[in-house]
Amino acid sequence: MENKDRKNIWSRVFDNKIGKSISLFTYFKQSFMATLFLLVFFLVWNSFIPLKNQIIFSAIASSTFLTFISTTIYDSLSKKIIGGQFIGVLIGIILWHLMHIFMQQFPQNENEVMIVFISFSVGFAMLFMSIFNFEHPPAAGTAMAFVLDRQTPAVNDLLFVMVCATLLGITHHYLKKYRLIKDLQGTAESPKVSRLKRIAGFIRHHRIKNRQTTDL
């Protein structure tokens, strides 16, 4: 009974894929890869352009998480990282300018105006990301970061987000293509389920092949 309870506690606290479908080393490896990516990028960028807008970092950190941890959340994650962040930046810059127009009209209600536009930045980012099929949750944080910035949105911040997002998208594409990363967010599959999926895929492949031969 005690062994069973310990097993239940383990499965609730720790990821059930550890030691089954994915080794513990993979978790360390992919986390280290994410850390190394950000370290190198930040150091290189800072050597040319000093880093200022620290709020943007949280959105980039979230994109990095999806790049190296939740690798199969979308089939086209690279496209969504780049497209989503572009929309987040665009929405943030547009709403920043509109917000300051309203602040000039209602100087006594600056905080309330900012709250309204912060909310709008997330809502509009979600709307346009969904419309253009660029769903990328961290990009809503990017839009908010630009609105929250008291100073005029700098070209440096725009370039920082887009260059980093592009590099993340390219990195994810090739890491996934060459199977150098695994999805650490999903649930573990039993060997039986995995075999059934492979058999189903094999049957489906041959049905399509036979259909194409028949059409010819």
N, C-alpha and C. Protein backbone atom coordinates (compact mmCIF):
# COMPACT_ATOMS: atom_id res chain seq x y z
N MET A 1 0.84 -1.21 0.00
CA MET A 1 0.00 0.00 0.00
C MET A 1 0.87 1.26 0.00
N GLU A 2 1.95 1.22 0.81
CA GLU A 2 2.85 2.37 0.89
C GLU A 2 3.54 2.62 -0.45
N ASN A 3 3.95 1.55 -1.12
CA ASN A 3 4.60 1.69 -2.43
C ASN A 3 3.66 2.32 -3.45
N LYS A 4 2.39 1.92 -3.37
CA LYS A 4 1.38 2.45 -4.29
C LYS A 4 1.16 3.94 -4.04
N ASP A 5 1.12 4.32 -2.74
CA ASP A 5 0.93 5.72 -2.40
C ASP A 5 2.11 6.56 -2.86
N ARG A 6 3.31 6.00 -2.68
CA ARG A 6 4.51 6.71 -3.13
C ARG A 6 4.49 6.91 -4.65
N LYS A 7 4.03 5.89 -5.35
CA LYS A 7 3.96 5.96 -6.81
C LYS A 7 2.97 7.03 -7.25
N ASN A 8 1.83 7.14 -6.54
CA ASN A 8 0.83 8.14 -6.87
C ASN A 8 1.36 9.55 -6.61
N ILE A 9 2.08 9.72 -5.50
CA ILE A 9 2.67 11.02 -5.18
C ILE A 9 3.68 11.42 -6.25
N TRP A 10 4.52 10.45 -6.65
CA TRP A 10 5.53 10.70 -7.68
C TRP A 10 4.88 11.16 -8.99
N SER A 11 3.79 10.48 -9.38
CA SER A 11 3.13 10.80 -10.65
C SER A 11 2.43 12.16 -10.59
N ARG A 12 2.03 12.59 -9.39
CA ARG A 12 1.38 13.89 -9.28
C ARG A 12 2.39 15.03 -9.26
N VAL A 13 3.53 14.81 -8.66
CA VAL A 13 4.53 15.86 -8.50
C VAL A 13 5.43 15.98 -9.73
N PHE A 14 5.85 14.83 -10.28
CA PHE A 14 6.80 14.84 -11.39
C PHE A 14 6.12 14.43 -12.69
N ASP A 15 6.71 14.83 -13.79
CA ASP A 15 6.21 14.49 -15.12
C ASP A 15 6.27 12.97 -15.31
N ASN A 16 5.15 12.40 -15.75
CA ASN A 16 5.07 10.93 -15.88
C ASN A 16 5.85 10.37 -17.07
N LYS A 17 6.46 11.27 -17.87
CA LYS A 17 7.27 10.79 -18.99
C LYS A 17 8.70 10.47 -18.57
N ILE A 18 9.13 11.01 -17.43
CA ILE A 18 10.51 10.83 -16.99
C ILE A 18 10.79 9.35 -16.74
N GLY A 19 11.80 8.84 -17.43
CA GLY A 19 12.18 7.44 -17.26
C GLY A 19 11.35 6.48 -18.08
N LYS A 20 10.27 6.96 -18.72
CA LYS A 20 9.42 6.10 -19.55
C LYS A 20 9.70 6.36 -21.03
N SER A 21 9.19 7.48 -21.51
CA SER A 21 9.40 7.81 -22.92
C SER A 21 10.52 8.83 -23.12
N ILE A 22 10.87 9.57 -22.05
CA ILE A 22 11.92 10.59 -22.14
C ILE A 22 12.82 10.49 -20.92
N SER A 23 14.11 10.53 -21.16
CA SER A 23 15.06 10.44 -20.04
C SER A 23 15.17 11.79 -19.33
N LEU A 24 15.58 11.74 -18.07
CA LEU A 24 15.75 12.97 -17.29
C LEU A 24 16.82 13.87 -17.91
N PHE A 25 17.80 13.26 -18.55
CA PHE A 25 18.87 14.03 -19.20
C PHE A 25 18.31 14.97 -20.27
N THR A 26 17.26 14.54 -20.98
CA THR A 26 16.66 15.37 -22.02
C THR A 26 16.10 16.66 -21.45
N TYR A 27 15.52 16.59 -20.25
CA TYR A 27 14.98 17.79 -19.60
C TYR A 27 16.10 18.80 -19.33
N PHE A 28 17.21 18.29 -18.79
CA PHE A 28 18.36 19.16 -18.53
C PHE A 28 18.94 19.71 -19.83
N LYS A 29 19.02 18.85 -20.85
CA LYS A 29 19.62 19.25 -22.12
C LYS A 29 18.83 20.38 -22.77
N GLN A 30 17.50 20.24 -22.85
CA GLN A 30 16.69 21.23 -23.54
C GLN A 30 16.60 22.53 -22.75
N SER A 31 16.59 22.43 -21.43
CA SER A 31 16.61 23.65 -20.61
C SER A 31 17.93 24.38 -20.78
N PHE A 32 19.02 23.61 -20.86
CA PHE A 32 20.33 24.22 -21.07
C PHE A 32 20.41 24.86 -22.45
N MET A 33 19.84 24.21 -23.46
CA MET A 33 19.82 24.78 -24.81
C MET A 33 19.09 26.12 -24.83
N ALA A 34 17.96 26.20 -24.11
CA ALA A 34 17.21 27.45 -24.04
C ALA A 34 18.02 28.53 -23.34
N THR A 35 18.67 28.16 -22.24
CA THR A 35 19.51 29.11 -21.50
C THR A 35 20.65 29.61 -22.36
N LEU A 36 21.30 28.70 -23.06
CA LEU A 36 22.43 29.05 -23.90
C LEU A 36 22.01 29.98 -25.04
N PHE A 37 20.85 29.69 -25.64
CA PHE A 37 20.34 30.53 -26.72
C PHE A 37 20.16 31.97 -26.24
N LEU A 38 19.46 32.14 -25.10
CA LEU A 38 19.20 33.48 -24.59
C LEU A 38 20.49 34.17 -24.16
N LEU A 39 21.40 33.43 -23.53
CA LEU A 39 22.66 34.00 -23.07
C LEU A 39 23.46 34.56 -24.24
N VAL A 40 23.60 33.76 -25.28
CA VAL A 40 24.38 34.19 -26.45
C VAL A 40 23.70 35.37 -27.15
N PHE A 41 22.38 35.26 -27.32
CA PHE A 41 21.66 36.32 -28.02
C PHE A 41 21.74 37.64 -27.25
N PHE A 42 21.49 37.60 -25.93
CA PHE A 42 21.52 38.82 -25.13
C PHE A 42 22.92 39.44 -25.10
N LEU A 43 23.95 38.61 -24.98
CA LEU A 43 25.32 39.13 -24.93
C LEU A 43 25.71 39.79 -26.25
N VAL A 44 25.38 39.13 -27.36
CA VAL A 44 25.71 39.68 -28.67
C VAL A 44 24.93 40.97 -28.91
N TRP A 45 23.63 40.94 -28.62
CA TRP A 45 22.80 42.12 -28.84
C TRP A 45 23.28 43.29 -27.98
N ASN A 46 23.56 43.02 -26.71
CA ASN A 46 23.95 44.07 -25.77
C ASN A 46 25.30 44.70 -26.14
N SER A 47 26.12 43.95 -26.85
CA SER A 47 27.41 44.49 -27.26
C SER A 47 27.26 45.54 -28.36
N PHE A 48 26.12 45.52 -29.07
CA PHE A 48 25.87 46.51 -30.13
C PHE A 48 24.84 47.55 -29.67
N ILE A 49 23.74 47.06 -29.08
CA ILE A 49 22.65 47.95 -28.63
C ILE A 49 22.31 47.59 -27.19
N PRO A 50 22.48 48.50 -26.23
CA PRO A 50 22.17 48.21 -24.82
C PRO A 50 20.70 47.82 -24.63
N LEU A 51 20.46 46.83 -23.80
CA LEU A 51 19.10 46.38 -23.51
C LEU A 51 18.43 47.34 -22.54
N LYS A 52 17.20 47.77 -22.86
CA LYS A 52 16.52 48.74 -22.01
C LYS A 52 15.14 48.28 -21.55
N ASN A 53 14.26 47.97 -22.50
CA ASN A 53 12.88 47.62 -22.15
C ASN A 53 12.83 46.21 -21.56
N GLN A 54 12.87 46.13 -20.24
CA GLN A 54 12.96 44.84 -19.58
C GLN A 54 11.65 44.07 -19.60
N ILE A 55 10.52 44.76 -19.80
CA ILE A 55 9.22 44.08 -19.81
C ILE A 55 9.12 43.12 -21.00
N ILE A 56 9.77 43.50 -22.10
CA ILE A 56 9.73 42.66 -23.30
C ILE A 56 10.37 41.29 -23.04
N PHE A 57 11.31 41.24 -22.11
CA PHE A 57 12.02 39.99 -21.84
C PHE A 57 11.07 38.86 -21.47
N SER A 58 10.00 39.19 -20.73
CA SER A 58 9.08 38.13 -20.29
C SER A 58 8.39 37.47 -21.48
N ALA A 59 8.04 38.28 -22.49
CA ALA A 59 7.40 37.72 -23.69
C ALA A 59 8.38 36.85 -24.46
N ILE A 60 9.64 37.30 -24.56
CA ILE A 60 10.66 36.52 -25.25
C ILE A 60 10.95 35.23 -24.49
N ALA A 61 10.95 35.30 -23.16
CA ALA A 61 11.18 34.10 -22.34
C ALA A 61 10.09 33.07 -22.58
N SER A 62 8.84 33.54 -22.72
CA SER A 62 7.72 32.63 -22.97
C SER A 62 7.84 31.98 -24.35
N SER A 63 8.27 32.76 -25.35
CA SER A 63 8.49 32.20 -26.68
C SER A 63 9.60 31.16 -26.65
N THR A 64 10.62 31.43 -25.84
CA THR A 64 11.74 30.49 -25.71
C THR A 64 11.26 29.18 -25.09
N PHE A 65 10.35 29.27 -24.13
CA PHE A 65 9.80 28.07 -23.51
C PHE A 65 9.11 27.19 -24.54
N LEU A 66 8.28 27.79 -25.37
CA LEU A 66 7.59 27.02 -26.41
C LEU A 66 8.58 26.43 -27.40
N THR A 67 9.64 27.17 -27.71
CA THR A 67 10.62 26.71 -28.69
C THR A 67 11.33 25.45 -28.23
N PHE A 68 11.69 25.39 -26.96
CA PHE A 68 12.53 24.30 -26.47
C PHE A 68 11.80 23.27 -25.60
N ILE A 69 10.60 23.58 -25.13
CA ILE A 69 9.89 22.65 -24.23
C ILE A 69 8.62 22.10 -24.87
N SER A 70 7.69 22.98 -25.24
CA SER A 70 6.42 22.54 -25.85
C SER A 70 6.58 22.48 -27.35
N THR A 71 7.35 21.53 -27.80
CA THR A 71 7.79 21.54 -29.20
C THR A 71 6.72 21.11 -30.20
N THR A 72 5.68 20.43 -29.76
CA THR A 72 4.66 19.96 -30.70
C THR A 72 3.29 20.58 -30.42
N ILE A 73 3.27 21.69 -29.70
CA ILE A 73 1.98 22.33 -29.39
C ILE A 73 1.28 22.77 -30.67
N TYR A 74 2.07 23.16 -31.68
CA TYR A 74 1.55 23.48 -33.00
C TYR A 74 2.41 22.80 -34.05
N ASP A 75 1.79 22.47 -35.20
CA ASP A 75 2.56 21.89 -36.29
C ASP A 75 3.48 22.92 -36.94
N SER A 76 3.07 24.19 -36.88
CA SER A 76 3.86 25.25 -37.52
C SER A 76 4.27 26.28 -36.48
N LEU A 77 4.91 25.84 -35.42
CA LEU A 77 5.26 26.73 -34.32
C LEU A 77 6.20 27.85 -34.77
N SER A 78 7.14 27.55 -35.66
CA SER A 78 8.08 28.57 -36.12
C SER A 78 7.35 29.75 -36.75
N LYS A 79 6.38 29.45 -37.59
CA LYS A 79 5.59 30.50 -38.24
C LYS A 79 4.81 31.31 -37.22
N LYS A 80 4.28 30.63 -36.21
CA LYS A 80 3.46 31.31 -35.21
C LYS A 80 4.30 32.19 -34.28
N ILE A 81 5.52 31.76 -33.98
CA ILE A 81 6.40 32.59 -33.15
C ILE A 81 6.71 33.90 -33.87
N ILE A 82 7.13 33.80 -35.12
CA ILE A 82 7.51 35.00 -35.88
C ILE A 82 6.28 35.87 -36.19
N GLY A 83 5.23 35.26 -36.72
CA GLY A 83 4.03 36.02 -37.07
C GLY A 83 3.33 36.60 -35.85
N GLY A 84 3.25 35.81 -34.78
CA GLY A 84 2.59 36.27 -33.56
C GLY A 84 3.32 37.45 -32.94
N GLN A 85 4.63 37.37 -32.86
CA GLN A 85 5.40 38.47 -32.28
C GLN A 85 5.32 39.73 -33.15
N PHE A 86 5.27 39.56 -34.47
CA PHE A 86 5.12 40.71 -35.36
C PHE A 86 3.80 41.42 -35.07
N ILE A 87 2.72 40.64 -34.94
CA ILE A 87 1.41 41.24 -34.64
C ILE A 87 1.44 41.90 -33.27
N GLY A 88 2.08 41.27 -32.29
CA GLY A 88 2.17 41.85 -30.94
C GLY A 88 2.87 43.19 -30.96
N VAL A 89 3.97 43.28 -31.69
CA VAL A 89 4.73 44.53 -31.81
C VAL A 89 3.88 45.60 -32.50
N LEU A 90 3.24 45.23 -33.60
CA LEU A 90 2.44 46.19 -34.39
C LEU A 90 1.27 46.73 -33.57
N ILE A 91 0.54 45.83 -32.91
CA ILE A 91 -0.60 46.26 -32.08
C ILE A 91 -0.11 47.15 -30.94
N GLY A 92 0.99 46.77 -30.30
CA GLY A 92 1.52 47.54 -29.18
C GLY A 92 1.90 48.96 -29.58
N ILE A 93 2.56 49.10 -30.72
CA ILE A 93 3.01 50.43 -31.17
C ILE A 93 1.80 51.31 -31.54
N ILE A 94 0.85 50.74 -32.27
CA ILE A 94 -0.34 51.51 -32.68
C ILE A 94 -1.12 51.98 -31.45
N LEU A 95 -1.37 51.07 -30.51
CA LEU A 95 -2.15 51.42 -29.33
C LEU A 95 -1.39 52.37 -28.41
N TRP A 96 -0.05 52.30 -28.40
CA TRP A 96 0.72 53.25 -27.59
C TRP A 96 0.45 54.67 -28.05
N HIS A 97 0.46 54.88 -29.37
CA HIS A 97 0.22 56.22 -29.91
C HIS A 97 -1.23 56.67 -29.66
N LEU A 98 -2.18 55.79 -29.83
CA LEU A 98 -3.58 56.13 -29.55
C LEU A 98 -3.77 56.45 -28.07
N MET A 99 -3.13 55.68 -27.22
CA MET A 99 -3.25 55.88 -25.77
C MET A 99 -2.78 57.27 -25.37
N HIS A 100 -1.66 57.72 -25.94
CA HIS A 100 -1.13 59.03 -25.57
C HIS A 100 -1.96 60.17 -26.14
N ILE A 101 -2.67 59.93 -27.21
CA ILE A 101 -3.62 60.94 -27.70
C ILE A 101 -4.74 61.11 -26.68
N PHE A 102 -5.26 60.00 -26.16
CA PHE A 102 -6.33 60.06 -25.16
C PHE A 102 -5.83 60.62 -23.84
N MET A 103 -4.58 60.34 -23.50
CA MET A 103 -4.01 60.89 -22.26
C MET A 103 -3.91 62.40 -22.31
N GLN A 104 -3.62 62.93 -23.50
CA GLN A 104 -3.57 64.38 -23.65
C GLN A 104 -4.96 65.01 -23.54
N GLN A 105 -5.96 64.25 -23.97
CA GLN A 105 -7.34 64.74 -23.89
C GLN A 105 -7.89 64.63 -22.46
N PHE A 106 -7.46 63.60 -21.75
CA PHE A 106 -7.95 63.37 -20.38
C PHE A 106 -6.76 63.21 -19.42
N PRO A 107 -6.00 64.28 -19.18
CA PRO A 107 -4.80 64.18 -18.34
C PRO A 107 -5.09 63.77 -16.90
N GLN A 108 -6.30 64.05 -16.42
CA GLN A 108 -6.64 63.69 -15.05
C GLN A 108 -6.97 62.20 -14.89
N ASN A 109 -7.11 61.49 -16.00
CA ASN A 109 -7.45 60.07 -15.95
C ASN A 109 -6.41 59.21 -16.68
N GLU A 110 -5.13 59.56 -16.54
CA GLU A 110 -4.07 58.84 -17.25
C GLU A 110 -4.01 57.37 -16.88
N ASN A 111 -4.14 57.07 -15.59
CA ASN A 111 -4.07 55.66 -15.15
C ASN A 111 -5.21 54.84 -15.74
N GLU A 112 -6.42 55.42 -15.72
CA GLU A 112 -7.58 54.71 -16.26
C GLU A 112 -7.42 54.48 -17.77
N VAL A 113 -6.90 55.50 -18.47
CA VAL A 113 -6.68 55.36 -19.92
C VAL A 113 -5.67 54.25 -20.20
N MET A 114 -4.60 54.22 -19.38
CA MET A 114 -3.58 53.18 -19.58
C MET A 114 -4.16 51.79 -19.34
N ILE A 115 -4.98 51.65 -18.31
CA ILE A 115 -5.60 50.35 -18.00
C ILE A 115 -6.46 49.88 -19.18
N VAL A 116 -7.23 50.82 -19.75
CA VAL A 116 -8.09 50.49 -20.89
C VAL A 116 -7.25 50.00 -22.07
N PHE A 117 -6.17 50.70 -22.37
CA PHE A 117 -5.36 50.35 -23.54
C PHE A 117 -4.50 49.11 -23.29
N ILE A 118 -4.13 48.86 -22.06
CA ILE A 118 -3.43 47.61 -21.75
C ILE A 118 -4.35 46.43 -22.06
N SER A 119 -5.60 46.56 -21.63
CA SER A 119 -6.58 45.50 -21.90
C SER A 119 -6.82 45.35 -23.40
N PHE A 120 -6.94 46.49 -24.09
CA PHE A 120 -7.15 46.44 -25.53
C PHE A 120 -5.97 45.78 -26.24
N SER A 121 -4.76 46.03 -25.76
CA SER A 121 -3.58 45.48 -26.43
C SER A 121 -3.61 43.96 -26.44
N VAL A 122 -4.02 43.37 -25.32
CA VAL A 122 -4.11 41.91 -25.25
C VAL A 122 -5.26 41.40 -26.12
N GLY A 123 -6.41 42.07 -26.01
CA GLY A 123 -7.58 41.64 -26.79
C GLY A 123 -7.36 41.72 -28.29
N PHE A 124 -6.81 42.84 -28.75
CA PHE A 124 -6.57 43.00 -30.19
C PHE A 124 -5.48 42.06 -30.69
N ALA A 125 -4.46 41.85 -29.87
CA ALA A 125 -3.40 40.90 -30.27
C ALA A 125 -3.98 39.51 -30.44
N MET A 126 -4.84 39.09 -29.50
CA MET A 126 -5.49 37.78 -29.60
C MET A 126 -6.37 37.70 -30.84
N LEU A 127 -7.12 38.78 -31.11
CA LEU A 127 -8.02 38.80 -32.26
C LEU A 127 -7.26 38.63 -33.57
N PHE A 128 -6.25 39.44 -33.78
CA PHE A 128 -5.54 39.40 -35.07
C PHE A 128 -4.65 38.17 -35.21
N MET A 129 -4.11 37.68 -34.10
CA MET A 129 -3.35 36.43 -34.18
C MET A 129 -4.26 35.28 -34.60
N SER A 130 -5.48 35.28 -34.08
CA SER A 130 -6.44 34.22 -34.45
C SER A 130 -6.87 34.35 -35.90
N ILE A 131 -7.12 35.57 -36.35
CA ILE A 131 -7.56 35.79 -37.73
C ILE A 131 -6.51 35.33 -38.73
N PHE A 132 -5.24 35.65 -38.46
CA PHE A 132 -4.17 35.34 -39.40
C PHE A 132 -3.49 33.99 -39.12
N ASN A 133 -4.05 33.24 -38.16
CA ASN A 133 -3.52 31.91 -37.82
C ASN A 133 -2.08 31.98 -37.30
N PHE A 134 -1.81 33.03 -36.49
CA PHE A 134 -0.51 33.20 -35.87
C PHE A 134 -0.62 33.09 -34.35
N GLU A 135 -1.46 32.19 -33.86
CA GLU A 135 -1.71 32.11 -32.42
C GLU A 135 -0.41 31.83 -31.65
N HIS A 136 0.01 32.82 -30.88
CA HIS A 136 1.23 32.69 -30.09
C HIS A 136 1.03 33.48 -28.80
N PRO A 137 0.60 32.83 -27.71
CA PRO A 137 0.25 33.54 -26.47
C PRO A 137 1.26 34.56 -25.97
N PRO A 138 2.58 34.28 -26.00
CA PRO A 138 3.53 35.29 -25.51
C PRO A 138 3.47 36.62 -26.24
N ALA A 139 3.00 36.61 -27.49
CA ALA A 139 2.93 37.85 -28.28
C ALA A 139 1.92 38.84 -27.70
N ALA A 140 0.90 38.33 -26.98
CA ALA A 140 -0.03 39.23 -26.29
C ALA A 140 0.71 40.01 -25.20
N GLY A 141 1.68 39.35 -24.57
CA GLY A 141 2.52 40.03 -23.59
C GLY A 141 3.42 41.07 -24.23
N THR A 142 3.86 40.81 -25.46
CA THR A 142 4.67 41.78 -26.20
C THR A 142 3.88 43.04 -26.47
N ALA A 143 2.63 42.89 -26.92
CA ALA A 143 1.77 44.05 -27.18
C ALA A 143 1.59 44.87 -25.91
N MET A 144 1.36 44.20 -24.80
CA MET A 144 1.19 44.88 -23.52
C MET A 144 2.47 45.60 -23.10
N ALA A 145 3.63 44.98 -23.36
CA ALA A 145 4.91 45.57 -22.97
C ALA A 145 5.14 46.90 -23.68
N PHE A 146 4.76 46.97 -24.95
CA PHE A 146 4.94 48.22 -25.69
C PHE A 146 4.00 49.30 -25.18
N VAL A 147 2.78 48.93 -24.83
CA VAL A 147 1.82 49.92 -24.31
C VAL A 147 2.27 50.43 -22.94
N LEU A 148 2.83 49.55 -22.12
CA LEU A 148 3.26 49.92 -20.78
C LEU A 148 4.48 50.84 -20.76
N ASP A 149 5.24 50.84 -21.82
CA ASP A 149 6.45 51.64 -21.87
C ASP A 149 6.09 53.13 -21.88
N ARG A 150 6.63 53.89 -20.94
CA ARG A 150 6.30 55.31 -20.82
C ARG A 150 6.89 56.12 -21.97
N GLN A 151 8.01 55.66 -22.50
CA GLN A 151 8.66 56.40 -23.57
C GLN A 151 8.14 55.96 -24.94
N THR A 152 8.43 56.76 -25.95
CA THR A 152 8.02 56.40 -27.32
C THR A 152 8.65 55.07 -27.72
N PRO A 153 7.86 54.15 -28.28
CA PRO A 153 8.42 52.85 -28.68
C PRO A 153 9.66 53.02 -29.55
N ALA A 154 10.75 52.42 -29.12
CA ALA A 154 12.02 52.58 -29.83
C ALA A 154 12.16 51.55 -30.93
N VAL A 155 12.83 51.94 -31.99
CA VAL A 155 13.11 51.01 -33.08
C VAL A 155 13.94 49.84 -32.56
N ASN A 156 14.81 50.12 -31.58
CA ASN A 156 15.64 49.07 -30.99
C ASN A 156 14.80 47.95 -30.39
N ASP A 157 13.70 48.33 -29.69
CA ASP A 157 12.83 47.33 -29.08
C ASP A 157 12.13 46.50 -30.14
N LEU A 158 11.67 47.17 -31.20
CA LEU A 158 11.02 46.46 -32.30
C LEU A 158 11.98 45.46 -32.93
N LEU A 159 13.19 45.91 -33.22
CA LEU A 159 14.19 45.01 -33.82
C LEU A 159 14.55 43.87 -32.87
N PHE A 160 14.66 44.19 -31.59
CA PHE A 160 15.02 43.18 -30.60
C PHE A 160 14.02 42.02 -30.63
N VAL A 161 12.73 42.35 -30.59
CA VAL A 161 11.70 41.32 -30.57
C VAL A 161 11.69 40.53 -31.87
N MET A 162 11.74 41.23 -33.01
CA MET A 162 11.62 40.54 -34.29
C MET A 162 12.85 39.70 -34.61
N VAL A 163 14.04 40.19 -34.28
CA VAL A 163 15.25 39.41 -34.55
C VAL A 163 15.26 38.16 -33.66
N CYS A 164 14.92 38.35 -32.38
CA CYS A 164 14.91 37.21 -31.46
C CYS A 164 13.85 36.19 -31.86
N ALA A 165 12.64 36.67 -32.21
CA ALA A 165 11.57 35.77 -32.62
C ALA A 165 11.94 35.00 -33.88
N THR A 166 12.58 35.68 -34.83
CA THR A 166 13.00 35.02 -36.07
C THR A 166 14.04 33.94 -35.79
N LEU A 167 15.01 34.26 -34.95
CA LEU A 167 16.04 33.29 -34.60
C LEU A 167 15.45 32.10 -33.85
N LEU A 168 14.48 32.38 -32.97
CA LEU A 168 13.80 31.28 -32.25
C LEU A 168 13.05 30.39 -33.23
N GLY A 169 12.35 31.02 -34.18
CA GLY A 169 11.60 30.24 -35.17
C GLY A 169 12.50 29.36 -36.01
N ILE A 170 13.61 29.92 -36.48
CA ILE A 170 14.57 29.15 -37.30
C ILE A 170 15.20 28.04 -36.47
N THR A 171 15.59 28.37 -35.24
CA THR A 171 16.20 27.37 -34.35
C THR A 171 15.24 26.22 -34.09
N HIS A 172 13.99 26.56 -33.80
CA HIS A 172 12.98 25.51 -33.54
C HIS A 172 12.79 24.62 -34.76
N HIS A 173 12.73 25.23 -35.93
CA HIS A 173 12.51 24.47 -37.17
C HIS A 173 13.59 23.41 -37.36
N TYR A 174 14.84 23.80 -37.21
CA TYR A 174 15.93 22.86 -37.47
C TYR A 174 16.12 21.86 -36.33
N LEU A 175 15.89 22.28 -35.10
CA LEU A 175 15.99 21.34 -33.98
C LEU A 175 14.93 20.25 -34.10
N LYS A 176 13.73 20.66 -34.52
CA LYS A 176 12.65 19.70 -34.69
C LYS A 176 12.87 18.83 -35.92
N LYS A 177 13.39 19.45 -36.99
CA LYS A 177 13.63 18.71 -38.23
C LYS A 177 14.63 17.58 -38.02
N TYR A 178 15.68 17.86 -37.28
CA TYR A 178 16.71 16.85 -37.03
C TYR A 178 16.52 16.09 -35.71
N ARG A 179 15.33 16.26 -35.13
CA ARG A 179 14.93 15.52 -33.93
C ARG A 179 15.93 15.68 -32.78
N LEU A 180 16.37 16.91 -32.59
CA LEU A 180 17.30 17.20 -31.50
C LEU A 180 16.57 17.61 -30.22
N ILE A 181 15.25 17.81 -30.32
CA ILE A 181 14.45 18.14 -29.15
C ILE A 181 13.20 17.27 -29.12
N LYS A 182 12.66 17.08 -27.92
CA LYS A 182 11.43 16.32 -27.75
C LYS A 182 10.41 17.18 -27.02
N ASP A 183 9.13 16.83 -27.19
CA ASP A 183 8.06 17.56 -26.52
C ASP A 183 8.05 17.15 -25.05
N LEU A 184 8.33 18.10 -24.16
CA LEU A 184 8.36 17.80 -22.73
C LEU A 184 7.06 18.16 -22.03
N GLN A 185 6.11 18.71 -22.78
CA GLN A 185 4.86 19.14 -22.14
C GLN A 185 3.77 18.08 -22.22
N GLY A 186 3.74 17.30 -23.28
CA GLY A 186 2.67 16.31 -23.46
C GLY A 186 2.73 15.21 -22.42
N THR A 187 1.81 14.29 -22.52
CA THR A 187 1.76 13.17 -21.59
C THR A 187 2.44 11.95 -22.19
N ALA A 188 2.89 11.09 -21.30
CA ALA A 188 3.59 9.89 -21.76
C ALA A 188 2.58 8.91 -22.36
N GLU A 189 2.98 8.23 -23.41
CA GLU A 189 2.15 7.22 -24.04
C GLU A 189 2.70 5.84 -23.71
N SER A 190 1.79 4.91 -23.49
CA SER A 190 2.24 3.55 -23.21
C SER A 190 2.77 2.94 -24.50
N PRO A 191 3.69 1.99 -24.42
CA PRO A 191 4.22 1.34 -25.63
C PRO A 191 3.13 0.76 -26.51
N LYS A 192 2.05 0.27 -25.86
CA LYS A 192 0.96 -0.34 -26.61
C LYS A 192 0.28 0.71 -27.49
N VAL A 193 -0.01 1.89 -26.90
CA VAL A 193 -0.66 2.97 -27.65
C VAL A 193 0.24 3.42 -28.80
N SER A 194 1.54 3.56 -28.53
CA SER A 194 2.48 3.98 -29.56
C SER A 194 2.51 3.00 -30.72
N ARG A 195 2.50 1.67 -30.40
CA ARG A 195 2.50 0.66 -31.46
C ARG A 195 1.24 0.74 -32.30
N LEU A 196 0.10 0.94 -31.63
CA LEU A 196 -1.17 1.04 -32.35
C LEU A 196 -1.17 2.24 -33.30
N LYS A 197 -0.58 3.35 -32.84
CA LYS A 197 -0.50 4.54 -33.70
C LYS A 197 0.37 4.29 -34.92
N ARG A 198 1.48 3.58 -34.71
CA ARG A 198 2.37 3.29 -35.83
C ARG A 198 1.69 2.36 -36.83
N ILE A 199 0.94 1.37 -36.33
CA ILE A 199 0.22 0.44 -37.20
C ILE A 199 -0.85 1.19 -38.00
N ALA A 200 -1.59 2.09 -37.30
CA ALA A 200 -2.64 2.86 -37.97
C ALA A 200 -2.03 3.75 -39.05
N GLY A 201 -0.89 4.36 -38.75
CA GLY A 201 -0.21 5.20 -39.73
C GLY A 201 0.26 4.40 -40.93
N PHE A 202 0.75 3.18 -40.68
CA PHE A 202 1.21 2.30 -41.75
C PHE A 202 0.06 1.91 -42.67
N ILE A 203 -1.08 1.57 -42.08
CA ILE A 203 -2.27 1.18 -42.86
C ILE A 203 -2.76 2.37 -43.68
N ARG A 204 -2.82 3.56 -43.03
CA ARG A 204 -3.28 4.76 -43.73
C ARG A 204 -2.38 5.10 -44.91
N HIS A 205 -1.08 4.97 -44.71
CA HIS A 205 -0.12 5.27 -45.77
C HIS A 205 -0.34 4.37 -46.99
N HIS A 206 -0.55 3.06 -46.74
CA HIS A 206 -0.72 2.12 -47.84
C HIS A 206 -2.08 2.28 -48.52
N ARG A 207 -3.09 2.71 -47.77
CA ARG A 207 -4.39 2.98 -48.39
C ARG A 207 -4.28 4.14 -49.37
N ILE A 208 -3.57 5.20 -48.96
CA ILE A 208 -3.39 6.36 -49.83
C ILE A 208 -2.58 5.97 -51.06
N LYS A 209 -1.55 5.15 -50.85
CA LYS A 209 -0.69 4.72 -51.95
C LYS A 209 -1.48 3.87 -52.95
N ASN A 210 -2.34 2.96 -52.44
CA ASN A 210 -3.15 2.11 -53.31
C ASN A 210 -4.18 2.93 -54.08
N ARG A 211 -4.72 3.98 -53.40
CA ARG A 211 -5.70 4.82 -54.04
C ARG A 211 -5.07 5.59 -55.20
N GLN A 212 -3.87 6.09 -54.98
CA GLN A 212 -3.17 6.82 -56.03
C GLN A 212 -2.84 5.93 -57.21
N THR A 213 -2.46 4.66 -56.92
CA THR A 213 -2.14 3.68 -57.99
C THR A 213 -3.38 3.38 -58.80
N THR A 214 -4.54 3.25 -58.12
CA THR A 214 -5.81 2.96 -58.79
C THR A 214 -6.22 4.11 -59.70
N ASP A 215 -6.03 5.36 -59.20
CA ASP A 215 -6.38 6.54 -60.01
C ASP A 215 -5.56 6.61 -61.28
N LEU A 216 -4.31 6.18 -61.21
CA LEU A 216 -3.45 6.18 -62.39
C LEU A 216 -3.89 5.11 -63.40
